[in-house]
PDB file of N, CA and C in Angstrom:
ATOM      1  N   UNK A   1     129.256 111.711 -49.120  1.00  0.00           N
ATOM      2  CA  UNK A   1     129.565 111.361 -50.307  1.00  0.00           C
ATOM      3  C   UNK A   1     127.791 111.761 -50.856  1.00  0.00           C
ATOM      4  N   UNK A   2     128.204 112.019 -52.106  1.00  0.00           N
ATOM      5  CA  UNK A   2     126.741 112.254 -53.067  1.00  0.00           C
ATOM      6  C   UNK A   2     126.683 112.129 -54.369  1.00  0.00           C
ATOM      7  N   UNK A   3     125.658 112.081 -55.338  1.00  0.00           N
ATOM      8  CA  UNK A   3     125.669 111.466 -56.389  1.00  0.00           C
ATOM      9  C   UNK A   3     125.083 112.953 -57.013  1.00  0.00           C
ATOM     10  N   UNK A   4     124.941 113.124 -58.319  1.00  0.00           N
ATOM     11  CA  UNK A   4     124.548 113.684 -59.682  1.00  0.00           C
ATOM     12  C   UNK A   4     123.119 113.070 -59.636  1.00  0.00           C
ATOM     13  N   UNK A   5     122.076 113.499 -59.811  1.00  0.00           N
ATOM     14  CA  UNK A   5     120.781 112.926 -59.740  1.00  0.00           C
ATOM     15  C   UNK A   5     120.173 113.244 -61.318  1.00  0.00           C
ATOM     16  N   UNK A   6     119.789 112.657 -62.176  1.00  0.00           N
ATOM     17  CA  UNK A   6     119.246 113.227 -63.350  1.00  0.00           C
ATOM     18  C   UNK A   6     118.087 112.603 -63.859  1.00  0.00           C
ATOM     19  N   UNK A   7     116.737 113.429 -63.606  1.00  0.00           N
ATOM     20  CA  UNK A   7     115.267 112.522 -63.505  1.00  0.00           C
ATOM     21  C   UNK A   7     114.012 113.041 -64.582  1.00  0.00           C
ATOM     22  N   UNK A   8     113.235 113.270 -65.229  1.00  0.00           N
ATOM     23  CA  UNK A   8     112.302 113.432 -65.493  1.00  0.00           C
ATOM     24  C   UNK A   8     111.104 113.749 -65.135  1.00  0.00           C
ATOM     25  N   UNK A   9     110.821 115.230 -65.242  1.00  0.00           N
ATOM     26  CA  UNK A   9     109.532 115.308 -64.014  1.00  0.00           C
ATOM     27  C   UNK A   9     107.830 114.474 -65.013  1.00  0.00           C
ATOM     28  N   UNK A  10     106.790 114.887 -64.411  1.00  0.00           N
ATOM     29  CA  UNK A  10     105.772 114.126 -65.377  1.00  0.00           C
ATOM     30  C   UNK A  10     105.511 115.018 -66.643  1.00  0.00           C
ATOM     31  N   UNK A  11     106.106 116.149 -66.908  1.00  0.00           N
ATOM     32  CA  UNK A  11     105.793 116.498 -68.022  1.00  0.00           C
ATOM     33  C   UNK A  11     106.958 116.531 -69.239  1.00  0.00           C
ATOM     34  N   UNK A  12     107.732 115.349 -68.730  1.00  0.00           N
ATOM     35  CA  UNK A  12     109.118 114.676 -69.811  1.00  0.00           C
ATOM     36  C   UNK A  12     110.115 115.526 -69.694  1.00  0.00           C
ATOM     37  N   UNK A  13     110.306 117.120 -68.918  1.00  0.00           N
ATOM     38  CA  UNK A  13     111.367 117.845 -68.871  1.00  0.00           C
ATOM     39  C   UNK A  13     112.305 117.203 -67.717  1.00  0.00           C
ATOM     40  N   UNK A  14     114.012 116.984 -68.331  1.00  0.00           N
ATOM     41  CA  UNK A  14     114.566 116.427 -67.361  1.00  0.00           C
ATOM     42  C   UNK A  14     115.146 117.580 -66.804  1.00  0.00           C
ATOM     43  N   UNK A  15     116.199 117.039 -64.869  1.00  0.00           N
ATOM     44  CA  UNK A  15     116.391 117.773 -64.227  1.00  0.00           C
ATOM     45  C   UNK A  15     117.499 117.078 -63.643  1.00  0.00           C
ATOM     46  N   UNK A  16     118.566 117.977 -63.084  1.00  0.00           N
ATOM     47  CA  UNK A  16     119.623 117.752 -61.953  1.00  0.00           C
ATOM     48  C   UNK A  16     119.043 118.048 -60.545  1.00  0.00           C
ATOM     49  N   UNK A  17     120.045 116.895 -59.834  1.00  0.00           N
ATOM     50  CA  UNK A  17     119.492 116.964 -58.127  1.00  0.00           C
ATOM     51  C   UNK A  17     120.930 116.575 -57.506  1.00  0.00           C
ATOM     52  N   UNK A  18     121.235 117.377 -56.282  1.00  0.00           N
ATOM     53  CA  UNK A  18     122.059 116.309 -56.089  1.00  0.00           C
ATOM     54  C   UNK A  18     121.777 115.069 -54.772  1.00  0.00           C
ATOM     55  N   UNK A  19     122.113 114.086 -54.571  1.00  0.00           N
ATOM     56  CA  UNK A  19     121.688 113.503 -53.158  1.00  0.00           C
ATOM     57  C   UNK A  19     122.543 113.233 -52.607  1.00  0.00           C
ATOM     58  N   UNK A  20     122.498 113.189 -51.523  1.00  0.00           N
ATOM     59  CA  UNK A  20     123.322 112.471 -50.076  1.00  0.00           C
ATOM     60  C   UNK A  20     123.480 111.165 -49.800  1.00  0.00           C
ATOM     61  N   UNK A  21     124.395 110.461 -50.133  1.00  0.00           N
ATOM     62  CA  UNK A  21     123.969 108.955 -49.627  1.00  0.00           C
ATOM     63  C   UNK A  21     124.538 108.925 -48.013  1.00  0.00           C
ATOM     64  N   UNK A  22     123.209 107.803 -47.484  1.00  0.00           N
ATOM     65  CA  UNK A  22     123.572 107.850 -46.121  1.00  0.00           C
ATOM     66  C   UNK A  22     123.894 106.849 -45.508  1.00  0.00           C
ATOM     67  N   UNK A  23     125.190 106.914 -44.974  1.00  0.00           N
ATOM     68  CA  UNK A  23     126.007 106.048 -44.123  1.00  0.00           C
ATOM     69  C   UNK A  23     125.924 105.803 -42.993  1.00  0.00           C
ATOM     70  N   UNK A  24     125.303 104.247 -42.708  1.00  0.00           N
ATOM     71  CA  UNK A  24     125.630 104.111 -41.268  1.00  0.00           C
ATOM     72  C   UNK A  24     126.529 103.207 -40.617  1.00  0.00           C
ATOM     73  N   UNK A  25     127.449 103.127 -39.881  1.00  0.00           N
ATOM     74  CA  UNK A  25     128.870 102.769 -38.903  1.00  0.00           C
ATOM     75  C   UNK A  25     128.214 101.054 -38.810  1.00  0.00           C
ATOM     76  N   UNK A  26     128.593  99.712 -38.973  1.00  0.00           N
ATOM     77  CA  UNK A  26     127.907  98.796 -38.934  1.00  0.00           C
ATOM     78  C   UNK A  26     129.063  97.442 -39.295  1.00  0.00           C
ATOM     79  N   UNK A  27     129.052  96.253 -38.932  1.00  0.00           N
ATOM     80  CA  UNK A  27     129.525  94.780 -39.244  1.00  0.00           C
ATOM     81  C   UNK A  27     129.435  94.837 -41.160  1.00  0.00           C
ATOM     82  N   UNK A  28     130.437  94.657 -41.642  1.00  0.00           N
ATOM     83  CA  UNK A  28     130.357  94.163 -42.747  1.00  0.00           C
ATOM     84  C   UNK A  28     130.931  93.452 -43.453  1.00  0.00           C
ATOM     85  N   UNK A  29     132.243  92.954 -42.790  1.00  0.00           N
ATOM     86  CA  UNK A  29     133.269  92.041 -43.159  1.00  0.00           C
ATOM     87  C   UNK A  29     134.037  91.068 -41.858  1.00  0.00           C
ATOM     88  N   UNK A  30     133.160  90.556 -41.051  1.00  0.00           N
ATOM     89  CA  UNK A  30     133.825  90.122 -39.781  1.00  0.00           C
ATOM     90  C   UNK A  30     134.916  89.141 -40.505  1.00  0.00           C
ATOM     91  N   UNK A  31     135.963  89.359 -39.412  1.00  0.00           N
ATOM     92  CA  UNK A  31     135.787  90.009 -37.827  1.00  0.00           C
ATOM     93  C   UNK A  31     136.669  90.991 -37.971  1.00  0.00           C
ATOM     94  N   UNK A  32     136.412  92.130 -39.430  1.00  0.00           N
ATOM     95  CA  UNK A  32     136.788  93.091 -39.526  1.00  0.00           C
ATOM     96  C   UNK A  32     136.198  94.361 -38.695  1.00  0.00           C
ATOM     97  N   UNK A  33     137.085  95.375 -38.341  1.00  0.00           N
ATOM     98  CA  UNK A  33     135.886  96.383 -37.405  1.00  0.00           C
ATOM     99  C   UNK A  33     134.791  97.159 -38.044  1.00  0.00           C
ATOM    100  N   UNK A  34     133.860  97.385 -37.527  1.00  0.00           N
ATOM    101  CA  UNK A  34     132.481  98.324 -38.293  1.00  0.00           C
ATOM    102  C   UNK A  34     133.015  99.169 -38.932  1.00  0.00           C
ATOM    103  N   UNK A  35     132.402  99.438 -40.603  1.00  0.00           N
ATOM    104  CA  UNK A  35     132.549 100.345 -41.270  1.00  0.00           C
ATOM    105  C   UNK A  35     131.627 101.190 -41.754  1.00  0.00           C
ATOM    106  N   UNK A  36     131.741 102.398 -42.145  1.00  0.00           N
ATOM    107  CA  UNK A  36     130.447 103.251 -42.526  1.00  0.00           C
ATOM    108  C   UNK A  36     130.379 102.956 -43.738  1.00  0.00           C
ATOM    109  N   UNK A  37     128.833 102.344 -43.960  1.00  0.00           N
ATOM    110  CA  UNK A  37     128.522 101.471 -45.128  1.00  0.00           C
ATOM    111  C   UNK A  37     127.099 102.116 -45.666  1.00  0.00           C
ATOM    112  N   UNK A  38     126.671 102.220 -46.705  1.00  0.00           N
ATOM    113  CA  UNK A  38     125.116 102.634 -47.099  1.00  0.00           C
ATOM    114  C   UNK A  38     124.410 101.082 -47.298  1.00  0.00           C
ATOM    115  N   UNK A  39     123.319 100.919 -47.239  1.00  0.00           N
ATOM    116  CA  UNK A  39     122.148 100.304 -47.287  1.00  0.00           C
ATOM    117  C   UNK A  39     122.656  99.400 -48.753  1.00  0.00           C
ATOM    118  N   UNK A  40     122.415  98.451 -49.463  1.00  0.00           N
ATOM    119  CA  UNK A  40     122.915  97.525 -50.746  1.00  0.00           C
ATOM    120  C   UNK A  40     121.083  97.901 -51.507  1.00  0.00           C
ATOM    121  N   UNK A  41     121.820  97.991 -52.969  1.00  0.00           N
ATOM    122  CA  UNK A  41     120.691  98.181 -53.680  1.00  0.00           C
ATOM    123  C   UNK A  41     120.537  96.606 -54.841  1.00  0.00           C
ATOM    124  N   UNK A  42     119.467  96.144 -55.360  1.00  0.00           N
ATOM    125  CA  UNK A  42     119.876  95.200 -55.779  1.00  0.00           C
ATOM    126  C   UNK A  42     120.038  95.804 -57.538  1.00  0.00           C
ATOM    127  N   UNK A  43     120.738  95.223 -57.914  1.00  0.00           N
ATOM    128  CA  UNK A  43     120.872  95.481 -59.629  1.00  0.00           C
ATOM    129  C   UNK A  43     120.928  94.287 -60.730  1.00  0.00           C
ATOM    130  N   UNK A  44     120.627  94.790 -61.814  1.00  0.00           N
ATOM    131  CA  UNK A  44     120.428  93.552 -62.460  1.00  0.00           C
ATOM    132  C   UNK A  44     121.754  93.298 -63.701  1.00  0.00           C
ATOM    133  N   UNK A  45     122.541  94.195 -63.910  1.00  0.00           N
ATOM    134  CA  UNK A  45     123.930  93.980 -64.541  1.00  0.00           C
ATOM    135  C   UNK A  45     125.192  95.274 -64.399  1.00  0.00           C
ATOM    136  N   UNK A  46     126.472  95.021 -64.709  1.00  0.00           N
ATOM    137  CA  UNK A  46     127.262  95.942 -64.749  1.00  0.00           C
ATOM    138  C   UNK A  46     128.040  95.636 -65.799  1.00  0.00           C
ATOM    139  N   UNK A  47     128.554  96.893 -66.641  1.00  0.00           N
ATOM    140  CA  UNK A  47     128.403  97.054 -67.825  1.00  0.00           C
ATOM    141  C   UNK A  47     130.086  98.180 -67.424  1.00  0.00           C
ATOM    142  N   UNK A  48     130.944  97.815 -68.691  1.00  0.00           N
ATOM    143  CA  UNK A  48     131.934  98.953 -68.856  1.00  0.00           C
ATOM    144  C   UNK A  48     131.739  99.949 -69.844  1.00  0.00           C
ATOM    145  N   UNK A  49     131.827 100.931 -70.354  1.00  0.00           N
ATOM    146  CA  UNK A  49     131.783 101.812 -71.147  1.00  0.00           C
ATOM    147  C   UNK A  49     132.586 102.967 -71.790  1.00  0.00           C
ATOM    148  N   UNK A  50     133.157 102.826 -72.837  1.00  0.00           N
ATOM    149  CA  UNK A  50     134.064 103.888 -73.497  1.00  0.00           C
ATOM    150  C   UNK A  50     133.540 104.831 -74.028  1.00  0.00           C
ATOM    151  N   UNK A  51     133.605 106.061 -73.763  1.00  0.00           N
ATOM    152  CA  UNK A  51     133.263 107.225 -75.150  1.00  0.00           C
ATOM    153  C   UNK A  51     134.906 107.819 -75.733  1.00  0.00           C
ATOM    154  N   UNK A  52     134.629 107.961 -76.909  1.00  0.00           N
ATOM    155  CA  UNK A  52     135.997 108.069 -77.277  1.00  0.00           C
ATOM    156  C   UNK A  52     136.102 109.875 -77.834  1.00  0.00           C
ATOM    157  N   UNK A  53     137.407 110.325 -77.483  1.00  0.00           N
ATOM    158  CA  UNK A  53     137.763 111.955 -77.204  1.00  0.00           C
ATOM    159  C   UNK A  53     136.907 112.696 -78.117  1.00  0.00           C
ATOM    160  N   UNK A  54     135.810 113.572 -78.300  1.00  0.00           N
ATOM    161  CA  UNK A  54     134.877 113.963 -79.026  1.00  0.00           C
ATOM    162  C   UNK A  54     133.764 113.813 -79.206  1.00  0.00           C
ATOM    163  N   UNK A  55     133.532 112.447 -78.644  1.00  0.00           N
ATOM    164  CA  UNK A  55     132.176 112.072 -78.735  1.00  0.00           C
ATOM    165  C   UNK A  55     130.938 112.957 -78.525  1.00  0.00           C
ATOM    166  N   UNK A  56     130.136 112.801 -79.245  1.00  0.00           N
ATOM    167  CA  UNK A  56     128.616 114.271 -79.280  1.00  0.00           C
ATOM    168  C   UNK A  56     127.624 113.795 -79.880  1.00  0.00           C
ATOM    169  N   UNK A  57     126.861 112.762 -78.578  1.00  0.00           N
ATOM    170  CA  UNK A  57     125.303 112.148 -78.786  1.00  0.00           C
ATOM    171  C   UNK A  57     124.353 113.477 -78.780  1.00  0.00           C
ATOM    172  N   UNK A  58     123.069 112.934 -79.889  1.00  0.00           N
ATOM    173  CA  UNK A  58     122.158 113.655 -79.907  1.00  0.00           C
ATOM    174  C   UNK A  58     121.619 113.193 -78.711  1.00  0.00           C
ATOM    175  N   UNK A  59     120.243 114.093 -78.267  1.00  0.00           N
ATOM    176  CA  UNK A  59     119.582 113.881 -77.154  1.00  0.00           C
ATOM    177  C   UNK A  59     118.880 112.614 -77.243  1.00  0.00           C
ATOM    178  N   UNK A  60     118.840 112.187 -75.797  1.00  0.00           N
ATOM    179  CA  UNK A  60     118.240 110.874 -75.818  1.00  0.00           C
ATOM    180  C   UNK A  60     117.415 111.035 -74.183  1.00  0.00           C
ATOM    181  N   UNK A  61     116.594 109.788 -74.119  1.00  0.00           N
ATOM    182  CA  UNK A  61     116.241 109.555 -72.630  1.00  0.00           C
ATOM    183  C   UNK A  61     117.493 108.539 -72.088  1.00  0.00           C
ATOM    184  N   UNK A  62     117.438 108.157 -71.408  1.00  0.00           N
ATOM    185  CA  UNK A  62     117.887 106.686 -70.701  1.00  0.00           C
ATOM    186  C   UNK A  62     117.496 106.055 -71.221  1.00  0.00           C
ATOM    187  N   UNK A  63     117.718 104.193 -71.215  1.00  0.00           N
ATOM    188  CA  UNK A  63     116.901 103.061 -71.490  1.00  0.00           C
ATOM    189  C   UNK A  63     116.279 102.205 -70.223  1.00  0.00           C
ATOM    190  N   UNK A  64     117.405 102.447 -69.158  1.00  0.00           N
ATOM    191  CA  UNK A  64     117.043 102.157 -68.263  1.00  0.00           C
ATOM    192  C   UNK A  64     117.578 103.114 -66.818  1.00  0.00           C
ATOM    193  N   UNK A  65     116.769 102.252 -65.397  1.00  0.00           N
ATOM    194  CA  UNK A  65     117.765 103.255 -64.606  1.00  0.00           C
ATOM    195  C   UNK A  65     118.736 102.535 -64.709  1.00  0.00           C
ATOM    196  N   UNK A  66     119.911 103.961 -64.574  1.00  0.00           N
ATOM    197  CA  UNK A  66     121.282 103.245 -64.607  1.00  0.00           C
ATOM    198  C   UNK A  66     122.140 104.361 -63.602  1.00  0.00           C
ATOM    199  N   UNK A  67     123.293 103.557 -62.669  1.00  0.00           N
ATOM    200  CA  UNK A  67     124.211 104.760 -62.253  1.00  0.00           C
ATOM    201  C   UNK A  67     125.560 104.383 -63.037  1.00  0.00           C
ATOM    202  N   UNK A  68     126.045 106.001 -63.444  1.00  0.00           N
ATOM    203  CA  UNK A  68     127.193 106.067 -64.026  1.00  0.00           C
ATOM    204  C   UNK A  68     128.222 106.232 -62.973  1.00  0.00           C
ATOM    205  N   UNK A  69     129.836 105.423 -63.093  1.00  0.00           N
ATOM    206  CA  UNK A  69     130.896 105.717 -62.052  1.00  0.00           C
ATOM    207  C   UNK A  69     132.179 106.188 -63.365  1.00  0.00           C
ATOM    208  N   UNK A  70     132.201 107.395 -63.471  1.00  0.00           N
ATOM    209  CA  UNK A  70     133.548 107.669 -63.661  1.00  0.00           C
ATOM    210  C   UNK A  70     134.523 107.246 -63.296  1.00  0.00           C
ATOM    211  N   UNK A  71     135.475 106.842 -64.282  1.00  0.00           N
ATOM    212  CA  UNK A  71     136.731 106.231 -64.224  1.00  0.00           C
ATOM    213  C   UNK A  71     138.273 107.086 -64.968  1.00  0.00           C
ATOM    214  N   UNK A  72     137.693 107.824 -65.945  1.00  0.00           N
ATOM    215  CA  UNK A  72     138.593 108.240 -67.084  1.00  0.00           C
ATOM    216  C   UNK A  72     137.613 109.083 -67.413  1.00  0.00           C
ATOM    217  N   UNK A  73     138.520 110.735 -67.934  1.00  0.00           N
ATOM    218  CA  UNK A  73     138.010 111.783 -68.797  1.00  0.00           C
ATOM    219  C   UNK A  73     136.656 112.202 -68.175  1.00  0.00           C
ATOM    220  N   UNK A  74     136.301 113.459 -69.648  1.00  0.00           N
ATOM    221  CA  UNK A  74     134.794 114.211 -68.484  1.00  0.00           C
ATOM    222  C   UNK A  74     133.782 114.173 -69.938  1.00  0.00           C
ATOM    223  N   UNK A  75     132.830 114.260 -69.248  1.00  0.00           N
ATOM    224  CA  UNK A  75     131.806 114.686 -70.081  1.00  0.00           C
ATOM    225  C   UNK A  75     130.930 115.894 -69.464  1.00  0.00           C
ATOM    226  N   UNK A  76     130.014 116.770 -70.502  1.00  0.00           N
ATOM    227  CA  UNK A  76     129.174 117.647 -70.423  1.00  0.00           C
ATOM    228  C   UNK A  76     128.083 117.349 -70.304  1.00  0.00           C
ATOM    229  N   UNK A  77     126.973 117.227 -69.595  1.00  0.00           N
ATOM    230  CA  UNK A  77     125.789 116.609 -69.861  1.00  0.00           C
ATOM    231  C   UNK A  77     124.854 117.635 -69.580  1.00  0.00           C
ATOM    232  N   UNK A  78     123.607 117.883 -70.459  1.00  0.00           N
ATOM    233  CA  UNK A  78     123.022 118.730 -70.175  1.00  0.00           C
ATOM    234  C   UNK A  78     121.535 118.511 -70.162  1.00  0.00           C
ATOM    235  N   UNK A  79     120.622 118.773 -69.484  1.00  0.00           N
ATOM    236  CA  UNK A  79     119.528 118.158 -68.829  1.00  0.00           C
ATOM    237  C   UNK A  79     118.572 119.286 -69.738  1.00  0.00           C
ATOM    238  N   UNK A  80     117.355 118.543 -70.652  1.00  0.00           N
ATOM    239  CA  UNK A  80     116.221 119.284 -71.173  1.00  0.00           C
ATOM    240  C   UNK A  80     116.141 120.424 -71.251  1.00  0.00           C
ATOM    241  N   UNK A  81     116.113 120.977 -69.222  1.00  0.00           N
ATOM    242  CA  UNK A  81     115.678 122.186 -69.132  1.00  0.00           C
ATOM    243  C   UNK A  81     117.133 123.340 -69.267  1.00  0.00           C
ATOM    244  N   UNK A  82     117.757 122.294 -69.744  1.00  0.00           N
ATOM    245  CA  UNK A  82     119.476 123.582 -69.884  1.00  0.00           C
ATOM    246  C   UNK A  82     120.593 123.335 -68.781  1.00  0.00           C
ATOM    247  N   UNK A  83     119.581 122.721 -68.064  1.00  0.00           N
ATOM    248  CA  UNK A  83     120.893 122.656 -66.908  1.00  0.00           C
ATOM    249  C   UNK A  83     122.294 121.585 -67.225  1.00  0.00           C
ATOM    250  N   UNK A  84     123.597 122.106 -67.127  1.00  0.00           N
ATOM    251  CA  UNK A  84     124.541 121.550 -67.277  1.00  0.00           C
ATOM    252  C   UNK A  84     126.016 121.065 -66.153  1.00  0.00           C
ATOM    253  N   UNK A  85     126.058 119.922 -66.386  1.00  0.00           N
ATOM    254  CA  UNK A  85     126.797 119.753 -65.291  1.00  0.00           C
ATOM    255  C   UNK A  85     127.946 118.880 -65.788  1.00  0.00           C
ATOM    256  N   UNK A  86     128.826 119.124 -65.570  1.00  0.00           N
ATOM    257  CA  UNK A  86     130.309 118.067 -65.976  1.00  0.00           C
ATOM    258  C   UNK A  86     130.674 116.753 -65.155  1.00  0.00           C
ATOM    259  N   UNK A  87     130.369 115.385 -65.462  1.00  0.00           N
ATOM    260  CA  UNK A  87     130.782 114.432 -64.919  1.00  0.00           C
ATOM    261  C   UNK A  87     132.536 114.085 -64.966  1.00  0.00           C
ATOM    262  N   UNK A  88     133.044 113.626 -63.885  1.00  0.00           N
ATOM    263  CA  UNK A  88     134.619 113.828 -64.461  1.00  0.00           C
ATOM    264  C   UNK A  88     135.212 112.606 -63.317  1.00  0.00           C
ATOM    265  N   UNK A  89     136.068 112.131 -63.476  1.00  0.00           N
ATOM    266  CA  UNK A  89     136.649 110.716 -62.552  1.00  0.00           C
ATOM    267  C   UNK A  89     135.953 110.973 -61.101  1.00  0.00           C
ATOM    268  N   UNK A  90     135.554 109.622 -60.662  1.00  0.00           N
ATOM    269  CA  UNK A  90     134.703 109.685 -59.007  1.00  0.00           C
ATOM    270  C   UNK A  90     133.534 110.203 -59.156  1.00  0.00           C
ATOM    271  N   UNK A  91     133.129 110.695 -59.962  1.00  0.00           N
ATOM    272  CA  UNK A  91     131.785 111.557 -60.032  1.00  0.00           C
ATOM    273  C   UNK A  91     130.922 110.315 -60.201  1.00  0.00           C
ATOM    274  N   UNK A  92     129.799 110.378 -59.419  1.00  0.00           N
ATOM    275  CA  UNK A  92     128.628 108.709 -59.850  1.00  0.00           C
ATOM    276  C   UNK A  92     127.652 110.296 -60.140  1.00  0.00           C
ATOM    277  N   UNK A  93     126.933 109.289 -61.446  1.00  0.00           N
ATOM    278  CA  UNK A  93     125.723 109.870 -61.826  1.00  0.00           C
ATOM    279  C   UNK A  93     124.089 109.034 -62.088  1.00  0.00           C
ATOM    280  N   UNK A  94     123.418 109.221 -61.377  1.00  0.00           N
ATOM    281  CA  UNK A  94     122.274 108.341 -61.561  1.00  0.00           C
ATOM    282  C   UNK A  94     121.020 108.856 -62.370  1.00  0.00           C
ATOM    283  N   UNK A  95     120.902 107.947 -63.643  1.00  0.00           N
ATOM    284  CA  UNK A  95     119.767 108.339 -64.520  1.00  0.00           C
ATOM    285  C   UNK A  95     118.682 107.787 -64.449  1.00  0.00           C
ATOM    286  N   UNK A  96     117.872 108.568 -64.294  1.00  0.00           N
ATOM    287  CA  UNK A  96     116.248 108.054 -63.965  1.00  0.00           C
ATOM    288  C   UNK A  96     115.719 109.051 -64.917  1.00  0.00           C
ATOM    289  N   UNK A  97     116.217 109.611 -66.118  1.00  0.00           N
ATOM    290  CA  UNK A  97     115.164 110.207 -67.350  1.00  0.00           C
ATOM    291  C   UNK A  97     114.695 109.127 -68.206  1.00  0.00           C
ATOM    292  N   UNK A  98     113.883 108.241 -68.092  1.00  0.00           N
ATOM    293  CA  UNK A  98     114.077 106.834 -69.004  1.00  0.00           C
ATOM    294  C   UNK A  98     112.502 107.682 -70.067  1.00  0.00           C
ATOM    295  N   UNK A  99     111.666 109.028 -69.849  1.00  0.00           N
ATOM    296  CA  UNK A  99     110.737 109.192 -70.707  1.00  0.00           C
ATOM    297  C   UNK A  99     111.241 110.526 -70.778  1.00  0.00           C
ATOM    298  N   UNK A 100     110.426 111.367 -71.915  1.00  0.00           N
ATOM    299  CA  UNK A 100     110.160 112.572 -72.286  1.00  0.00           C
ATOM    300  C   UNK A 100     111.561 112.837 -73.269  1.00  0.00           C
ATOM    301  N   UNK A 101     112.019 114.127 -72.820  1.00  0.00           N
ATOM    302  CA  UNK A 101     113.270 115.076 -73.698  1.00  0.00           C
ATOM    303  C   UNK A 101     114.300 114.411 -73.586  1.00  0.00           C
ATOM    304  N   UNK A 102     114.937 113.720 -72.315  1.00  0.00           N
ATOM    305  CA  UNK A 102     116.234 113.265 -72.159  1.00  0.00           C
ATOM    306  C   UNK A 102     117.430 114.491 -72.092  1.00  0.00           C
ATOM    307  N   UNK A 103     118.122 113.698 -72.176  1.00  0.00           N
ATOM    308  CA  UNK A 103     119.810 114.845 -72.220  1.00  0.00           C
ATOM    309  C   UNK A 103     120.469 114.528 -73.549  1.00  0.00           C
ATOM    310  N   UNK A 104     121.561 115.525 -73.638  1.00  0.00           N
ATOM    311  CA  UNK A 104     122.878 115.383 -74.566  1.00  0.00           C
ATOM    312  C   UNK A 104     123.887 115.550 -73.874  1.00  0.00           C
ATOM    313  N   UNK A 105     125.091 114.369 -74.065  1.00  0.00           N
ATOM    314  CA  UNK A 105     126.018 113.968 -73.463  1.00  0.00           C
ATOM    315  C   UNK A 105     127.328 114.150 -74.651  1.00  0.00           C
ATOM    316  N   UNK A 106     128.242 114.932 -73.904  1.00  0.00           N
ATOM    317  CA  UNK A 106     129.481 115.275 -75.174  1.00  0.00           C
ATOM    318  C   UNK A 106     130.720 115.004 -74.039  1.00  0.00           C
ATOM    319  N   UNK A 107     131.501 114.276 -74.629  1.00  0.00           N
ATOM    320  CA  UNK A 107     133.276 114.143 -74.170  1.00  0.00           C
ATOM    321  C   UNK A 107     133.845 115.419 -74.474  1.00  0.00           C
ATOM    322  N   UNK A 108     133.932 116.141 -73.042  1.00  0.00           N
ATOM    323  CA  UNK A 108     135.015 117.545 -73.178  1.00  0.00           C
ATOM    324  C   UNK A 108     136.508 117.764 -73.207  1.00  0.00           C
ATOM    325  N   UNK A 109     136.976 115.874 -72.428  1.00  0.00           N
ATOM    326  CA  UNK A 109     138.385 116.150 -72.332  1.00  0.00           C
ATOM    327  C   UNK A 109     139.236 115.725 -73.270  1.00  0.00           C
ATOM    328  N   UNK A 110     140.231 115.428 -73.471  1.00  0.00           N
ATOM    329  CA  UNK A 110     140.913 115.315 -74.396  1.00  0.00           C
ATOM    330  C   UNK A 110     141.603 113.620 -74.493  1.00  0.00           C
ATOM    331  N   UNK A 111     141.289 112.851 -73.152  1.00  0.00           N
ATOM    332  CA  UNK A 111     141.046 111.525 -72.921  1.00  0.00           C
ATOM    333  C   UNK A 111     139.785 111.451 -73.297  1.00  0.00           C
ATOM    334  N   UNK A 112     139.516 110.102 -73.815  1.00  0.00           N
ATOM    335  CA  UNK A 112     138.511 108.969 -73.898  1.00  0.00           C
ATOM    336  C   UNK A 112     137.743 109.050 -72.404  1.00  0.00           C
ATOM    337  N   UNK A 113     136.592 109.268 -72.220  1.00  0.00           N
ATOM    338  CA  UNK A 113     135.414 108.825 -70.917  1.00  0.00           C
ATOM    339  C   UNK A 113     135.227 107.403 -70.989  1.00  0.00           C
ATOM    340  N   UNK A 114     136.003 106.770 -69.975  1.00  0.00           N
ATOM    341  CA  UNK A 114     135.488 105.606 -69.761  1.00  0.00           C
ATOM    342  C   UNK A 114     134.813 105.336 -68.073  1.00  0.00           C
ATOM    343  N   UNK A 115     133.984 104.631 -67.745  1.00  0.00           N
ATOM    344  CA  UNK A 115     133.510 104.290 -66.751  1.00  0.00           C
ATOM    345  C   UNK A 115     132.859 102.966 -66.756  1.00  0.00           C
ATOM    346  N   UNK A 116     132.050 103.008 -65.708  1.00  0.00           N
ATOM    347  CA  UNK A 116     131.284 101.234 -64.645  1.00  0.00           C
ATOM    348  C   UNK A 116     129.984 102.377 -64.824  1.00  0.00           C
ATOM    349  N   UNK A 117     128.886 100.773 -65.790  1.00  0.00           N
ATOM    350  CA  UNK A 117     127.295 101.155 -65.571  1.00  0.00           C
ATOM    351  C   UNK A 117     126.910 100.274 -64.664  1.00  0.00           C
ATOM    352  N   UNK A 118     125.951 100.603 -63.502  1.00  0.00           N
ATOM    353  CA  UNK A 118     125.134  99.228 -63.155  1.00  0.00           C
ATOM    354  C   UNK A 118     124.198  99.969 -63.222  1.00  0.00           C
ATOM    355  N   UNK A 119     122.841  98.822 -63.503  1.00  0.00           N
ATOM    356  CA  UNK A 119     121.890  98.570 -64.176  1.00  0.00           C
ATOM    357  C   UNK A 119     121.101  98.488 -63.099  1.00  0.00           C
ATOM    358  N   UNK A 120     119.857  98.602 -62.972  1.00  0.00           N
ATOM    359  CA  UNK A 120     118.839  98.460 -62.299  1.00  0.00           C
ATOM    360  C   UNK A 120     117.867  97.685 -62.450  1.00  0.00           C
ATOM    361  N   UNK A 121     117.459  97.558 -63.792  1.00  0.00           N
ATOM    362  CA  UNK A 121     116.067  96.887 -64.294  1.00  0.00           C
ATOM    363  C   UNK A 121     116.863  95.798 -65.241  1.00  0.00           C
TER     364      UNK A 121
END
């Protein structure tokens, strides 16, 4: 498992990276068998978001560190350095470009883009 990581460097330029999620086999819900699971991360809130088909927003930084979990639709997200990624159903996107130039997001599917956002701050 992995997620798309968007971050800003010290000059405010945003970049993409791929991050592998470390899983370890352990007890999670006794008496069920051990399962492969990651370490937990404290969060502050969870939101649902919909961007209508055709949504095209101006470039901006993320307001807080947050993870987007795509449920439906597709967006094209362009980092300020010009690198572009498509986020679609099942993709995970960690946003940490809280300062600097930010990123541009545009819905590229005929369907609306729907996701869950988990905020860490």
